[in-house]
Amino acid sequence: MPDHSVTLTTPRLVLRPLQAADAAALFAIFSDPQVMQYWNTPPWSSEVVAQDFIRAEQQAMHDGQRLTLAIVDRESAELIGKCLLFNYEPESRRAEIGFGIASSAWGKGYVQEAAGELLRHGFEALKLNRVEAEIDPTNSASGRALERLGFSQEGLLRQRWIIDGQVSDSALFGLLSEDWRSRHSQR
């Protein structure tokens, strides 16, 4: 996945690579049990987890394995979440998308704005053919967000994850470049 220094902007947001200084803000977001309710990992237990995450993501970006960007409010400069393209398969021109934002930012359209811009970058600049997403099927907010972005649910993997002793399924969503382009050429 080329260009590990990419910065994207939207009317309200800046999407930029994570920095060491983001650790406290990321920890505050991803230590929140409400935010992590549907993730495949438990809430982060310390700021060290955030620091390690940032270092690992920076290295993965440098190595071309994924694109992980902080979601920053343009007006306040507050980090409100992260979005990423990962599990990049260059030969198939395929990647997965993920996103997570602070519970205080829910319901304000930030996921649509950030993920929409990341998809634009993925399909136009990175020439992806397909983007996939995997969510807990009980996470109806993420399902609706993906559908508004143009994704279709394509399958269900039963009992895919066991997190803190809890078994959960995964709903699989997909979006093809041709569908994304068709949808955006109509605007």
Protein backbone atom coordinates (compact mmCIF):
# COMPACT_ATOMS: atom_id res chain seq x y z
CA MET A 1 0.00 0.00 0.00
CA PRO A 2 1.98 3.02 -1.23
CA ASP A 3 2.37 6.50 0.25
CA HIS A 4 2.72 6.11 4.00
CA SER A 5 2.72 9.89 4.51
CA VAL A 6 -0.69 10.63 2.99
CA THR A 7 -2.92 13.29 4.54
CA LEU A 8 -6.56 13.59 3.43
CA THR A 9 -8.98 16.39 4.20
CA THR A 10 -12.75 16.72 4.25
CA PRO A 11 -14.90 19.73 5.11
CA ARG A 12 -14.69 18.96 8.85
CA LEU A 13 -11.81 16.52 9.22
CA VAL A 14 -8.13 15.89 8.63
CA LEU A 15 -7.03 12.29 8.19
CA ARG A 16 -3.32 12.00 8.87
CA PRO A 17 -0.79 9.39 9.96
CA LEU A 18 -0.72 8.65 13.68
CA GLN A 19 1.95 10.38 15.75
CA ALA A 20 3.50 9.44 19.10
CA ALA A 21 1.73 12.46 20.63
CA ASP A 22 -1.64 10.82 19.81
CA ALA A 23 -1.22 8.08 22.43
CA ALA A 24 -3.20 9.73 25.25
CA ALA A 25 -6.13 10.65 22.98
CA LEU A 26 -6.19 7.19 21.36
CA PHE A 27 -6.07 5.52 24.76
CA ALA A 28 -9.00 7.64 25.97
CA ILE A 29 -11.05 6.48 22.98
CA PHE A 30 -10.11 2.81 22.82
CA SER A 31 -10.14 2.15 26.56
CA ASP A 32 -13.85 3.04 26.55
CA PRO A 33 -15.89 -0.19 26.86
CA GLN A 34 -18.70 1.44 24.88
CA VAL A 35 -16.38 2.09 21.92
CA MET A 36 -14.87 -1.41 22.15
CA GLN A 37 -18.16 -3.28 22.62
CA TYR A 38 -18.10 -4.76 19.11
CA TRP A 39 -14.32 -5.03 18.54
CA ASN A 40 -12.35 -8.25 18.34
CA THR A 41 -10.16 -7.12 21.27
CA PRO A 42 -10.98 -5.97 24.79
CA PRO A 43 -10.70 -2.27 25.74
CA TRP A 44 -7.12 -1.03 25.91
CA SER A 45 -5.73 -1.38 29.42
CA SER A 46 -3.04 1.31 29.45
CA GLU A 47 -1.54 4.13 27.46
CA VAL A 48 1.37 1.78 26.69
CA VAL A 49 -1.05 -0.22 24.50
CA ALA A 50 -1.77 2.97 22.54
CA GLN A 51 1.95 3.74 22.22
CA ASP A 52 2.67 0.22 20.99
CA PHE A 53 -0.26 0.43 18.56
CA ILE A 54 1.04 3.70 17.11
CA ARG A 55 4.57 2.32 16.65
CA ALA A 56 3.24 -0.87 15.03
CA GLU A 57 0.95 1.08 12.68
CA GLN A 58 3.73 3.49 11.71
CA GLN A 59 5.98 0.52 10.84
CA ALA A 60 3.19 -1.27 8.94
CA MET A 61 2.52 1.90 6.95
CA HIS A 62 6.21 2.34 6.22
CA ASP A 63 6.33 -1.29 5.02
CA GLY A 64 3.31 -0.72 2.75
CA GLN A 65 1.09 -3.18 4.63
CA ARG A 66 -1.70 -0.80 5.64
CA LEU A 67 -2.83 2.79 5.83
CA THR A 68 -3.85 3.90 9.33
CA LEU A 69 -4.93 7.50 9.77
CA ALA A 70 -5.95 9.57 12.76
CA ILE A 71 -9.32 11.29 12.40
CA VAL A 72 -8.87 14.87 13.59
CA ASP A 73 -11.53 17.56 13.90
CA ARG A 74 -10.30 20.45 11.72
CA GLU A 75 -11.80 23.15 13.93
CA SER A 76 -10.71 21.93 17.37
CA ALA A 77 -7.64 19.86 16.27
CA GLU A 78 -8.97 17.12 18.59
CA LEU A 79 -8.23 13.52 17.64
CA ILE A 80 -11.63 11.81 17.56
CA GLY A 81 -10.74 8.39 16.15
CA LYS A 82 -8.91 6.38 13.54
CA CYS A 83 -9.65 4.78 10.20
CA LEU A 84 -7.62 2.32 8.23
CA LEU A 85 -7.21 0.19 5.17
CA PHE A 86 -5.59 -3.11 6.18
CA ASN A 87 -5.17 -6.74 5.12
CA TYR A 88 -3.98 -5.31 1.83
CA GLU A 89 -3.71 -7.88 -0.97
CA PRO A 90 -1.82 -6.10 -3.79
CA GLU A 91 -2.28 -8.85 -6.40
CA SER A 92 -6.06 -8.81 -5.91
CA ARG A 93 -6.14 -5.03 -5.30
CA ARG A 94 -8.22 -5.68 -2.18
CA ALA A 95 -8.17 -4.33 1.38
CA GLU A 96 -10.37 -4.19 4.46
CA ILE A 97 -11.62 -0.96 5.99
CA GLY A 98 -11.96 -0.25 9.67
CA PHE A 99 -12.87 2.75 11.76
CA GLY A 100 -13.47 3.71 15.34
CA ILE A 101 -14.38 7.03 16.90
CA ALA A 102 -14.92 8.43 20.37
CA SER A 103 -18.41 7.86 21.74
CA SER A 104 -18.72 11.66 22.16
CA ALA A 105 -18.44 11.94 18.34
CA TRP A 106 -21.11 9.33 17.52
CA GLY A 107 -24.13 10.36 15.48
CA LYS A 108 -22.46 13.39 13.86
CA GLY A 109 -21.62 11.90 10.46
CA TYR A 110 -17.86 11.70 11.11
CA VAL A 111 -17.63 8.03 10.12
CA GLN A 112 -19.36 8.75 6.80
CA GLU A 113 -17.06 11.67 6.13
CA ALA A 114 -13.80 9.95 7.15
CA ALA A 115 -14.55 6.53 5.66
CA GLY A 116 -15.95 8.11 2.50
CA GLU A 117 -12.70 10.00 1.96
CA LEU A 118 -10.61 6.94 2.76
CA LEU A 119 -12.63 4.92 0.22
CA ARG A 120 -12.16 7.65 -2.40
CA HIS A 121 -8.41 7.49 -1.79
CA GLY A 122 -8.46 3.69 -1.88
CA PHE A 123 -10.36 3.42 -5.15
CA GLU A 124 -8.83 6.42 -6.95
CA ALA A 125 -5.24 6.75 -5.72
CA LEU A 126 -4.51 3.16 -4.62
CA LYS A 127 -6.54 1.62 -7.48
CA LEU A 128 -8.25 -0.89 -5.20
CA ASN A 129 -10.81 -3.13 -6.87
CA ARG A 130 -12.58 -4.25 -3.69
CA VAL A 131 -12.88 -3.10 -0.09
CA GLU A 132 -14.25 -5.37 2.61
CA ALA A 133 -15.49 -4.84 6.14
CA GLU A 134 -16.18 -7.27 8.95
CA ILE A 135 -18.46 -6.27 11.82
CA ASP A 136 -20.39 -7.83 14.66
CA PRO A 137 -23.88 -8.29 13.17
CA THR A 138 -25.45 -6.85 16.32
CA ASN A 139 -23.61 -3.57 15.66
CA SER A 140 -26.47 -2.04 13.68
CA ALA A 141 -24.90 1.46 13.65
CA SER A 142 -21.81 0.20 11.81
CA GLY A 143 -23.97 -1.86 9.47
CA ARG A 144 -26.03 1.20 8.56
CA ALA A 145 -22.86 3.28 8.13
CA LEU A 146 -21.41 0.69 5.74
CA GLU A 147 -24.64 0.52 3.74
CA ARG A 148 -24.74 4.33 3.44
CA LEU A 149 -21.18 4.12 2.10
CA GLY A 150 -22.40 1.69 -0.58
CA PHE A 151 -21.37 -1.65 0.96
CA SER A 152 -23.56 -4.75 0.67
CA GLN A 153 -23.68 -7.49 3.26
CA GLU A 154 -22.30 -10.58 1.56
CA GLY A 155 -22.11 -13.20 4.27
CA LEU A 156 -22.07 -14.26 7.89
CA LEU A 157 -19.32 -16.15 9.70
CA ARG A 158 -20.85 -17.82 12.72
CA GLN A 159 -18.95 -17.83 16.02
CA ARG A 160 -15.93 -16.18 14.39
CA TRP A 161 -14.57 -14.47 17.53
CA ILE A 162 -14.30 -15.22 21.22
CA ILE A 163 -13.42 -12.05 23.15
CA ASP A 164 -13.24 -12.14 26.93
CA GLY A 165 -15.18 -15.41 26.81
CA GLN A 166 -17.98 -13.96 24.65
CA VAL A 167 -18.66 -15.71 21.34
CA SER A 168 -19.73 -13.50 18.43
CA ASP A 169 -20.47 -13.81 14.74
CA SER A 170 -19.09 -11.61 11.96
CA ALA A 171 -21.09 -10.02 9.17
CA LEU A 172 -19.06 -9.55 5.99
CA PHE A 173 -19.60 -6.53 3.76
CA GLY A 174 -18.07 -5.70 0.39
CA LEU A 175 -17.82 -2.75 -1.97
CA LEU A 176 -16.49 -2.99 -5.51
CA SER A 177 -14.70 -0.19 -7.31
CA GLU A 178 -17.24 -0.28 -10.15
CA ASP A 179 -20.13 0.12 -7.71
CA TRP A 180 -18.35 2.96 -5.90
CA ARG A 181 -17.60 4.74 -9.20
CA SER A 182 -21.18 4.30 -10.44
CA ARG A 183 -22.53 5.69 -7.20
CA HIS A 184 -20.21 8.71 -7.24
CA SER A 185 -20.55 9.51 -10.94
CA GLN A 186 -24.29 10.11 -10.36
CA ARG A 187 -23.60 13.01 -7.98
